[in-house]
N, C-alpha and C. Protein backbone atom coordinates (compact mmCIF):
# COMPACT_ATOMS: atom_id res chain seq x y z
N MET A 1 -5.10 46.77 0.48
CA MET A 1 -5.60 45.63 -0.27
C MET A 1 -5.11 44.31 0.33
N LEU A 2 -3.83 44.22 0.67
CA LEU A 2 -3.26 43.01 1.25
C LEU A 2 -3.93 42.65 2.57
N LYS A 3 -4.25 43.66 3.36
CA LYS A 3 -4.87 43.42 4.65
C LYS A 3 -6.22 42.73 4.49
N LYS A 4 -6.99 43.07 3.46
CA LYS A 4 -8.29 42.45 3.23
C LYS A 4 -8.13 40.96 2.88
N VAL A 5 -7.11 40.63 2.10
CA VAL A 5 -6.88 39.25 1.74
C VAL A 5 -6.56 38.43 2.98
N VAL A 6 -5.71 38.94 3.84
CA VAL A 6 -5.33 38.25 5.06
C VAL A 6 -6.53 38.06 5.97
N GLU A 7 -7.38 39.07 6.03
CA GLU A 7 -8.58 38.97 6.88
C GLU A 7 -9.53 37.89 6.41
N ARG A 8 -9.57 37.62 5.10
CA ARG A 8 -10.50 36.64 4.56
C ARG A 8 -9.95 35.21 4.57
N MET A 9 -8.70 35.05 4.97
CA MET A 9 -8.12 33.70 5.01
C MET A 9 -8.83 32.88 6.08
N PRO A 10 -9.02 31.59 5.81
CA PRO A 10 -9.68 30.75 6.82
C PRO A 10 -8.89 30.74 8.12
N GLU A 11 -9.61 30.63 9.21
CA GLU A 11 -8.99 30.64 10.53
C GLU A 11 -7.99 29.50 10.69
N THR A 12 -8.22 28.37 10.03
CA THR A 12 -7.33 27.22 10.18
C THR A 12 -5.92 27.50 9.68
N PHE A 13 -5.75 28.54 8.84
CA PHE A 13 -4.41 28.87 8.34
C PHE A 13 -3.59 29.59 9.40
N THR A 14 -4.23 30.22 10.36
CA THR A 14 -3.51 31.01 11.34
C THR A 14 -3.46 30.34 12.71
N THR A 15 -4.19 29.27 12.89
CA THR A 15 -4.24 28.62 14.19
C THR A 15 -3.01 27.76 14.43
N ALA A 16 -2.61 27.62 15.67
CA ALA A 16 -1.45 26.81 16.01
C ALA A 16 -1.86 25.47 16.59
N SER A 17 -3.15 25.13 16.51
CA SER A 17 -3.61 23.88 17.11
C SER A 17 -3.01 22.69 16.37
N ARG A 18 -2.87 21.61 17.09
CA ARG A 18 -2.29 20.40 16.54
C ARG A 18 -3.35 19.32 16.40
N VAL A 19 -3.24 18.57 15.34
CA VAL A 19 -4.08 17.40 15.14
C VAL A 19 -3.41 16.26 15.88
N VAL A 20 -4.19 15.53 16.66
CA VAL A 20 -3.64 14.42 17.43
C VAL A 20 -4.45 13.17 17.09
N LEU A 21 -3.76 12.11 16.74
CA LEU A 21 -4.41 10.84 16.46
C LEU A 21 -4.35 9.95 17.70
N LYS A 22 -5.41 9.18 17.90
CA LYS A 22 -5.44 8.21 19.00
C LYS A 22 -4.55 7.03 18.61
N PRO A 23 -4.08 6.27 19.59
CA PRO A 23 -3.22 5.12 19.28
C PRO A 23 -3.85 4.14 18.28
N ASP A 24 -5.15 3.87 18.40
CA ASP A 24 -5.78 2.93 17.47
C ASP A 24 -5.88 3.50 16.06
N GLU A 25 -5.81 4.83 15.93
CA GLU A 25 -5.83 5.46 14.61
C GLU A 25 -4.44 5.45 13.97
N MET A 26 -3.44 5.08 14.75
CA MET A 26 -2.07 5.03 14.25
C MET A 26 -1.65 3.61 13.87
N THR A 27 -2.58 2.68 13.87
CA THR A 27 -2.29 1.32 13.44
C THR A 27 -2.26 1.32 11.93
N LEU A 28 -1.06 1.26 11.37
CA LEU A 28 -0.88 1.41 9.93
C LEU A 28 -0.20 0.17 9.36
N ALA A 29 -0.91 -0.94 9.40
CA ALA A 29 -0.33 -2.21 8.96
C ALA A 29 -0.51 -2.45 7.46
N THR A 30 -1.47 -1.75 6.84
CA THR A 30 -1.72 -1.97 5.41
C THR A 30 -1.79 -0.63 4.69
N VAL A 31 -1.69 -0.69 3.38
CA VAL A 31 -1.80 0.51 2.55
C VAL A 31 -3.19 1.13 2.72
N ALA A 32 -4.21 0.30 2.83
CA ALA A 32 -5.58 0.82 3.01
C ALA A 32 -5.70 1.58 4.32
N GLU A 33 -5.09 1.07 5.39
CA GLU A 33 -5.12 1.77 6.68
C GLU A 33 -4.34 3.08 6.59
N PHE A 34 -3.26 3.08 5.84
CA PHE A 34 -2.46 4.30 5.67
C PHE A 34 -3.29 5.37 4.95
N ALA A 35 -3.97 4.97 3.88
CA ALA A 35 -4.80 5.90 3.12
C ALA A 35 -5.94 6.44 3.98
N ALA A 36 -6.55 5.58 4.78
CA ALA A 36 -7.63 6.01 5.67
C ALA A 36 -7.12 7.01 6.70
N MET A 37 -5.91 6.79 7.19
CA MET A 37 -5.30 7.70 8.16
C MET A 37 -5.06 9.08 7.54
N LEU A 38 -4.63 9.13 6.29
CA LEU A 38 -4.43 10.41 5.61
C LEU A 38 -5.75 11.19 5.55
N ARG A 39 -6.82 10.49 5.19
CA ARG A 39 -8.14 11.14 5.13
C ARG A 39 -8.59 11.61 6.51
N LEU A 40 -8.32 10.81 7.54
CA LEU A 40 -8.70 11.17 8.90
C LEU A 40 -7.95 12.42 9.38
N VAL A 41 -6.65 12.47 9.11
CA VAL A 41 -5.85 13.64 9.51
C VAL A 41 -6.40 14.89 8.84
N LEU A 42 -6.73 14.80 7.56
CA LEU A 42 -7.29 15.95 6.86
C LEU A 42 -8.62 16.36 7.49
N LYS A 43 -9.47 15.39 7.79
CA LYS A 43 -10.77 15.69 8.40
C LYS A 43 -10.59 16.38 9.75
N LYS A 44 -9.68 15.84 10.58
CA LYS A 44 -9.45 16.43 11.91
C LYS A 44 -8.83 17.82 11.82
N SER A 45 -8.15 18.11 10.72
CA SER A 45 -7.53 19.43 10.57
C SER A 45 -8.57 20.52 10.32
N GLY A 46 -9.74 20.11 9.81
CA GLY A 46 -10.78 21.08 9.50
C GLY A 46 -10.54 21.81 8.18
N MET A 47 -9.55 21.37 7.44
CA MET A 47 -9.24 22.01 6.16
C MET A 47 -9.61 21.10 5.00
N THR A 48 -9.61 21.68 3.82
CA THR A 48 -9.75 20.89 2.60
C THR A 48 -8.34 20.57 2.11
N ALA A 49 -8.24 19.61 1.21
CA ALA A 49 -6.93 19.28 0.64
C ALA A 49 -6.36 20.49 -0.10
N GLY A 50 -7.22 21.29 -0.72
CA GLY A 50 -6.77 22.50 -1.40
C GLY A 50 -6.17 23.52 -0.44
N GLN A 51 -6.74 23.64 0.74
CA GLN A 51 -6.20 24.56 1.74
C GLN A 51 -4.84 24.08 2.25
N VAL A 52 -4.71 22.76 2.43
CA VAL A 52 -3.42 22.21 2.85
C VAL A 52 -2.38 22.47 1.76
N ALA A 53 -2.78 22.31 0.51
CA ALA A 53 -1.86 22.56 -0.61
C ALA A 53 -1.41 24.02 -0.62
N ALA A 54 -2.34 24.92 -0.35
CA ALA A 54 -2.00 26.34 -0.34
C ALA A 54 -1.04 26.68 0.80
N LYS A 55 -1.12 25.93 1.88
CA LYS A 55 -0.26 26.13 3.04
C LYS A 55 1.13 25.55 2.85
N THR A 56 1.25 24.60 1.95
CA THR A 56 2.51 23.88 1.74
C THR A 56 2.95 24.07 0.29
N SER A 57 3.99 23.37 -0.10
CA SER A 57 4.47 23.44 -1.49
C SER A 57 3.90 22.29 -2.33
N ILE A 58 2.88 21.62 -1.83
CA ILE A 58 2.27 20.50 -2.56
C ILE A 58 1.31 21.06 -3.60
N ALA A 59 1.34 20.49 -4.80
CA ALA A 59 0.38 20.88 -5.83
C ALA A 59 -1.02 20.50 -5.36
N ARG A 60 -1.98 21.33 -5.70
CA ARG A 60 -3.36 21.11 -5.26
C ARG A 60 -3.86 19.73 -5.69
N SER A 61 -3.60 19.36 -6.94
CA SER A 61 -4.06 18.05 -7.44
C SER A 61 -3.40 16.91 -6.67
N SER A 62 -2.14 17.08 -6.30
CA SER A 62 -1.45 16.05 -5.52
C SER A 62 -2.03 15.91 -4.13
N ALA A 63 -2.39 17.03 -3.52
CA ALA A 63 -2.98 17.00 -2.18
C ALA A 63 -4.32 16.25 -2.23
N TYR A 64 -5.12 16.53 -3.25
CA TYR A 64 -6.40 15.83 -3.38
C TYR A 64 -6.18 14.35 -3.69
N SER A 65 -5.14 14.04 -4.46
CA SER A 65 -4.84 12.65 -4.79
C SER A 65 -4.44 11.86 -3.55
N LEU A 66 -3.71 12.49 -2.63
CA LEU A 66 -3.28 11.81 -1.41
C LEU A 66 -4.47 11.29 -0.59
N VAL A 67 -5.57 12.01 -0.62
CA VAL A 67 -6.72 11.65 0.22
C VAL A 67 -7.91 11.13 -0.58
N SER A 68 -7.67 10.82 -1.85
CA SER A 68 -8.76 10.33 -2.70
C SER A 68 -9.30 9.01 -2.16
N ALA A 69 -10.62 8.90 -2.14
CA ALA A 69 -11.27 7.67 -1.67
C ALA A 69 -10.99 6.50 -2.61
N THR A 70 -10.62 6.79 -3.85
CA THR A 70 -10.35 5.73 -4.82
C THR A 70 -8.88 5.32 -4.83
N ARG A 71 -8.06 5.96 -4.01
CA ARG A 71 -6.63 5.64 -3.96
C ARG A 71 -6.44 4.22 -3.44
N THR A 72 -5.69 3.41 -4.17
CA THR A 72 -5.45 2.04 -3.75
C THR A 72 -3.98 1.79 -3.42
N GLY A 73 -3.10 2.65 -3.87
CA GLY A 73 -1.68 2.45 -3.63
C GLY A 73 -1.13 3.40 -2.59
N LEU A 74 0.06 3.09 -2.15
CA LEU A 74 0.78 3.93 -1.19
C LEU A 74 1.31 5.15 -1.93
N PRO A 75 1.20 6.35 -1.34
CA PRO A 75 1.79 7.52 -2.00
C PRO A 75 3.28 7.25 -2.26
N VAL A 76 3.76 7.70 -3.41
CA VAL A 76 5.13 7.41 -3.82
C VAL A 76 6.14 8.34 -3.16
N ASP A 77 5.77 9.59 -2.98
CA ASP A 77 6.71 10.60 -2.51
C ASP A 77 6.59 10.81 -1.00
N ALA A 78 7.59 10.33 -0.27
CA ALA A 78 7.58 10.44 1.20
C ALA A 78 7.59 11.89 1.65
N ALA A 79 8.34 12.74 0.95
CA ALA A 79 8.43 14.16 1.33
C ALA A 79 7.06 14.82 1.21
N GLN A 80 6.30 14.42 0.20
CA GLN A 80 4.97 14.97 0.01
C GLN A 80 4.03 14.56 1.15
N VAL A 81 4.12 13.31 1.57
CA VAL A 81 3.31 12.82 2.69
C VAL A 81 3.66 13.61 3.94
N GLN A 82 4.95 13.80 4.17
CA GLN A 82 5.40 14.53 5.36
C GLN A 82 4.91 15.98 5.34
N LEU A 83 5.01 16.64 4.19
CA LEU A 83 4.51 18.02 4.07
C LEU A 83 3.01 18.09 4.31
N PHE A 84 2.29 17.11 3.77
CA PHE A 84 0.84 17.08 3.94
C PHE A 84 0.48 16.96 5.42
N MET A 85 1.15 16.04 6.11
CA MET A 85 0.89 15.85 7.55
C MET A 85 1.21 17.14 8.33
N ARG A 86 2.32 17.75 8.00
CA ARG A 86 2.72 18.99 8.66
C ARG A 86 1.70 20.10 8.38
N GLY A 87 1.26 20.18 7.12
CA GLY A 87 0.27 21.19 6.73
C GLY A 87 -1.06 21.00 7.44
N CYS A 88 -1.40 19.76 7.72
CA CYS A 88 -2.65 19.46 8.44
C CYS A 88 -2.52 19.75 9.94
N GLY A 89 -1.28 19.87 10.42
CA GLY A 89 -1.06 20.17 11.83
C GLY A 89 -0.89 18.95 12.71
N LEU A 90 -0.54 17.81 12.12
CA LEU A 90 -0.32 16.61 12.92
C LEU A 90 0.91 16.83 13.80
N ARG A 91 0.86 16.34 15.03
CA ARG A 91 1.99 16.47 15.96
C ARG A 91 3.25 15.88 15.35
N HIS A 92 4.39 16.49 15.65
CA HIS A 92 5.67 16.06 15.07
C HIS A 92 6.03 14.62 15.41
N ASP A 93 5.77 14.19 16.65
CA ASP A 93 6.09 12.81 17.00
C ASP A 93 5.23 11.83 16.22
N GLN A 94 3.99 12.23 15.92
CA GLN A 94 3.12 11.36 15.15
C GLN A 94 3.49 11.38 13.67
N ILE A 95 3.98 12.52 13.19
CA ILE A 95 4.49 12.56 11.80
C ILE A 95 5.64 11.57 11.65
N ASP A 96 6.52 11.56 12.64
CA ASP A 96 7.65 10.61 12.60
C ASP A 96 7.15 9.17 12.56
N GLU A 97 6.13 8.87 13.35
CA GLU A 97 5.58 7.52 13.39
C GLU A 97 4.93 7.15 12.06
N VAL A 98 4.21 8.11 11.46
CA VAL A 98 3.58 7.89 10.16
C VAL A 98 4.66 7.63 9.10
N MET A 99 5.74 8.38 9.15
CA MET A 99 6.80 8.21 8.16
C MET A 99 7.51 6.86 8.32
N ARG A 100 7.65 6.39 9.55
CA ARG A 100 8.21 5.05 9.75
C ARG A 100 7.29 3.99 9.14
N ALA A 101 5.98 4.19 9.31
CA ALA A 101 5.02 3.25 8.72
C ALA A 101 5.09 3.32 7.19
N TRP A 102 5.22 4.54 6.63
CA TRP A 102 5.33 4.68 5.18
C TRP A 102 6.57 3.93 4.67
N THR A 103 7.68 4.08 5.38
CA THR A 103 8.93 3.41 4.97
C THR A 103 8.76 1.90 4.99
N ARG A 104 8.12 1.38 6.05
CA ARG A 104 7.91 -0.06 6.17
C ARG A 104 6.98 -0.57 5.06
N LEU A 105 5.86 0.13 4.83
CA LEU A 105 4.91 -0.29 3.79
C LEU A 105 5.54 -0.20 2.41
N SER A 106 6.33 0.82 2.18
CA SER A 106 7.00 0.98 0.89
C SER A 106 7.98 -0.17 0.65
N ALA A 107 8.73 -0.53 1.68
CA ALA A 107 9.67 -1.66 1.57
C ALA A 107 8.92 -2.97 1.32
N ASP A 108 7.79 -3.15 2.00
CA ASP A 108 6.97 -4.35 1.78
C ASP A 108 6.50 -4.42 0.34
N ASN A 109 6.05 -3.29 -0.20
CA ASN A 109 5.59 -3.23 -1.59
C ASN A 109 6.73 -3.59 -2.55
N ARG A 110 7.93 -3.05 -2.29
CA ARG A 110 9.09 -3.35 -3.15
C ARG A 110 9.43 -4.83 -3.09
N ARG A 111 9.40 -5.42 -1.88
CA ARG A 111 9.70 -6.85 -1.75
C ARG A 111 8.69 -7.70 -2.53
N ARG A 112 7.42 -7.36 -2.39
CA ARG A 112 6.38 -8.11 -3.12
C ARG A 112 6.58 -7.97 -4.63
N ARG A 113 6.88 -6.75 -5.08
CA ARG A 113 7.08 -6.51 -6.50
C ARG A 113 8.30 -7.30 -6.99
N ASP A 114 9.37 -7.30 -6.21
CA ASP A 114 10.58 -8.02 -6.60
C ASP A 114 10.33 -9.52 -6.67
N VAL A 115 9.54 -10.06 -5.75
CA VAL A 115 9.22 -11.50 -5.76
C VAL A 115 8.42 -11.82 -7.01
N ASN A 116 7.47 -10.95 -7.36
CA ASN A 116 6.64 -11.19 -8.54
C ASN A 116 7.44 -11.08 -9.83
N LEU A 117 8.52 -10.27 -9.82
CA LEU A 117 9.33 -10.10 -11.02
C LEU A 117 10.49 -11.09 -11.09
N ALA A 118 10.68 -11.85 -10.02
CA ALA A 118 11.80 -12.79 -9.97
C ALA A 118 11.68 -13.82 -11.09
N LYS A 119 12.83 -14.34 -11.49
CA LYS A 119 12.86 -15.35 -12.54
C LYS A 119 12.05 -16.56 -12.08
N PRO A 120 11.12 -17.00 -12.93
CA PRO A 120 10.28 -18.13 -12.52
C PRO A 120 11.10 -19.41 -12.30
N GLU A 121 10.61 -20.20 -11.39
CA GLU A 121 11.23 -21.48 -11.06
C GLU A 121 11.12 -22.42 -12.27
N ARG A 122 12.22 -23.07 -12.61
CA ARG A 122 12.18 -24.03 -13.73
C ARG A 122 11.49 -25.31 -13.26
N LEU A 123 10.52 -25.73 -14.04
CA LEU A 123 9.77 -26.93 -13.70
C LEU A 123 10.33 -28.13 -14.47
N PRO A 124 10.36 -29.28 -13.83
CA PRO A 124 10.81 -30.48 -14.55
C PRO A 124 9.79 -30.85 -15.63
N PRO A 125 10.18 -31.65 -16.60
CA PRO A 125 9.24 -32.07 -17.64
C PRO A 125 8.02 -32.77 -17.03
N ALA A 126 6.88 -32.58 -17.65
CA ALA A 126 5.62 -33.11 -17.14
C ALA A 126 5.67 -34.62 -16.92
N GLU A 127 6.37 -35.33 -17.81
CA GLU A 127 6.39 -36.79 -17.69
C GLU A 127 7.18 -37.27 -16.46
N ASP A 128 8.03 -36.39 -15.90
CA ASP A 128 8.82 -36.76 -14.72
C ASP A 128 8.08 -36.50 -13.40
N LEU A 129 6.92 -35.93 -13.47
CA LEU A 129 6.21 -35.54 -12.26
C LEU A 129 5.15 -36.55 -11.87
N GLY A 130 4.99 -36.72 -10.57
CA GLY A 130 3.90 -37.53 -10.06
C GLY A 130 2.85 -36.62 -9.43
N VAL A 131 1.67 -37.14 -9.24
CA VAL A 131 0.57 -36.36 -8.66
C VAL A 131 0.94 -35.86 -7.27
N ASP A 132 1.47 -36.75 -6.44
CA ASP A 132 1.80 -36.37 -5.07
C ASP A 132 2.86 -35.27 -5.02
N GLU A 133 3.87 -35.38 -5.89
CA GLU A 133 4.92 -34.36 -5.93
C GLU A 133 4.34 -32.99 -6.31
N CYS A 134 3.43 -32.98 -7.27
CA CYS A 134 2.80 -31.71 -7.68
C CYS A 134 2.01 -31.10 -6.53
N VAL A 135 1.25 -31.93 -5.83
CA VAL A 135 0.44 -31.45 -4.71
C VAL A 135 1.33 -30.87 -3.62
N GLU A 136 2.43 -31.55 -3.31
CA GLU A 136 3.38 -31.04 -2.30
C GLU A 136 3.93 -29.68 -2.68
N HIS A 137 4.33 -29.55 -3.96
CA HIS A 137 4.87 -28.27 -4.42
C HIS A 137 3.82 -27.16 -4.33
N ILE A 138 2.60 -27.47 -4.72
CA ILE A 138 1.53 -26.46 -4.69
C ILE A 138 1.28 -26.00 -3.25
N GLN A 139 1.23 -26.93 -2.31
CA GLN A 139 1.00 -26.57 -0.91
C GLN A 139 2.14 -25.70 -0.36
N ARG A 140 3.38 -26.09 -0.67
CA ARG A 140 4.54 -25.31 -0.20
C ARG A 140 4.51 -23.90 -0.78
N LEU A 141 4.23 -23.80 -2.07
CA LEU A 141 4.24 -22.49 -2.73
C LEU A 141 3.12 -21.59 -2.21
N ARG A 142 1.97 -22.16 -1.91
CA ARG A 142 0.87 -21.36 -1.35
C ARG A 142 1.27 -20.78 0.00
N VAL A 143 1.91 -21.58 0.84
CA VAL A 143 2.35 -21.12 2.15
C VAL A 143 3.38 -19.99 1.99
N GLU A 144 4.25 -20.11 1.00
CA GLU A 144 5.28 -19.10 0.74
C GLU A 144 4.72 -17.85 0.06
N GLY A 145 3.46 -17.91 -0.37
CA GLY A 145 2.84 -16.76 -1.04
C GLY A 145 3.21 -16.64 -2.51
N LYS A 146 3.76 -17.71 -3.08
CA LYS A 146 4.16 -17.70 -4.50
C LYS A 146 3.02 -18.28 -5.34
N HIS A 147 1.95 -17.54 -5.43
CA HIS A 147 0.73 -18.04 -6.08
C HIS A 147 0.90 -18.25 -7.58
N ALA A 148 1.65 -17.37 -8.23
CA ALA A 148 1.84 -17.52 -9.68
C ALA A 148 2.57 -18.82 -9.99
N VAL A 149 3.57 -19.17 -9.19
CA VAL A 149 4.31 -20.42 -9.40
C VAL A 149 3.43 -21.60 -9.04
N ALA A 150 2.59 -21.45 -8.01
CA ALA A 150 1.66 -22.52 -7.63
C ALA A 150 0.69 -22.82 -8.77
N VAL A 151 0.27 -21.81 -9.49
CA VAL A 151 -0.62 -22.01 -10.64
C VAL A 151 0.09 -22.84 -11.71
N ALA A 152 1.37 -22.55 -11.94
CA ALA A 152 2.13 -23.32 -12.92
C ALA A 152 2.20 -24.80 -12.50
N TRP A 153 2.40 -25.03 -11.19
CA TRP A 153 2.43 -26.40 -10.70
C TRP A 153 1.05 -27.05 -10.79
N ALA A 154 -0.01 -26.27 -10.63
CA ALA A 154 -1.37 -26.81 -10.77
C ALA A 154 -1.60 -27.30 -12.19
N ARG A 155 -1.04 -26.57 -13.15
CA ARG A 155 -1.16 -27.02 -14.55
C ARG A 155 -0.41 -28.35 -14.74
N ARG A 156 0.76 -28.43 -14.10
CA ARG A 156 1.52 -29.67 -14.16
C ARG A 156 0.76 -30.81 -13.47
N LEU A 157 0.05 -30.48 -12.40
CA LEU A 157 -0.75 -31.48 -11.69
C LEU A 157 -1.81 -32.07 -12.63
N ILE A 158 -2.44 -31.23 -13.43
CA ILE A 158 -3.45 -31.72 -14.38
C ILE A 158 -2.80 -32.70 -15.35
N GLY A 159 -1.61 -32.34 -15.84
CA GLY A 159 -0.90 -33.25 -16.76
C GLY A 159 -0.56 -34.57 -16.09
N ALA A 160 -0.13 -34.50 -14.83
CA ALA A 160 0.22 -35.73 -14.10
C ALA A 160 -1.02 -36.59 -13.86
N LEU A 161 -2.15 -35.95 -13.55
CA LEU A 161 -3.39 -36.71 -13.35
C LEU A 161 -3.83 -37.38 -14.64
N LEU A 162 -3.72 -36.67 -15.75
CA LEU A 162 -4.09 -37.25 -17.05
C LEU A 162 -3.17 -38.42 -17.41
N ALA A 163 -1.86 -38.27 -17.12
CA ALA A 163 -0.92 -39.35 -17.41
C ALA A 163 -1.22 -40.57 -16.53
N GLU A 164 -1.56 -40.32 -15.26
CA GLU A 164 -1.89 -41.42 -14.35
C GLU A 164 -3.14 -42.15 -14.81
N ARG A 165 -4.12 -41.39 -15.29
CA ARG A 165 -5.37 -42.00 -15.76
C ARG A 165 -5.10 -42.82 -17.01
N ALA A 166 -4.25 -42.31 -17.90
CA ALA A 166 -3.92 -43.04 -19.12
C ALA A 166 -3.24 -44.37 -18.79
N GLU A 167 -2.38 -44.37 -17.78
CA GLU A 167 -1.71 -45.60 -17.35
C GLU A 167 -2.72 -46.62 -16.81
N LEU A 168 -3.69 -46.12 -16.05
CA LEU A 168 -4.70 -47.01 -15.48
C LEU A 168 -5.62 -47.58 -16.55
N ASP A 169 -5.92 -46.78 -17.56
CA ASP A 169 -6.81 -47.21 -18.64
C ASP A 169 -6.10 -48.20 -19.59
N ALA A 170 -4.77 -48.16 -19.61
CA ALA A 170 -4.04 -49.01 -20.56
C ALA A 170 -3.96 -50.44 -20.15
């Protein structure tokens, strides 16, 4: 009975071939590129995500989630990504490169999240602000990527413009 089960297993489970990515396919600067690379590795392996899951200790649903076309975030579990790559047959040196990219992207995500959760900058009272000062702050904050704080300064800019207009009308 066992022999029949083994005979019916897909050939990809017994092959020793390696999946190899081209250098341009290893450009993993964004989370979207990382997700696309996961799907490409699976495609080149000739297996389904379910087959990779059966080959590894990854849950079937997790394997399908890793390569979902609707995935927008970076996979959270590095060990799972590594197992998936190994299960697909990606070369070991390329797995190492993928994991370095995962580490870098994960750190970038943490930094962005930490900046967004940081204590907001205290703004001076609206009456103390001039139009030019608000514009300078908004430009600086945009360059720094602090868009939420720039929005707060834009609100202050509106107050400063209204105060300036009131002075001119008086």
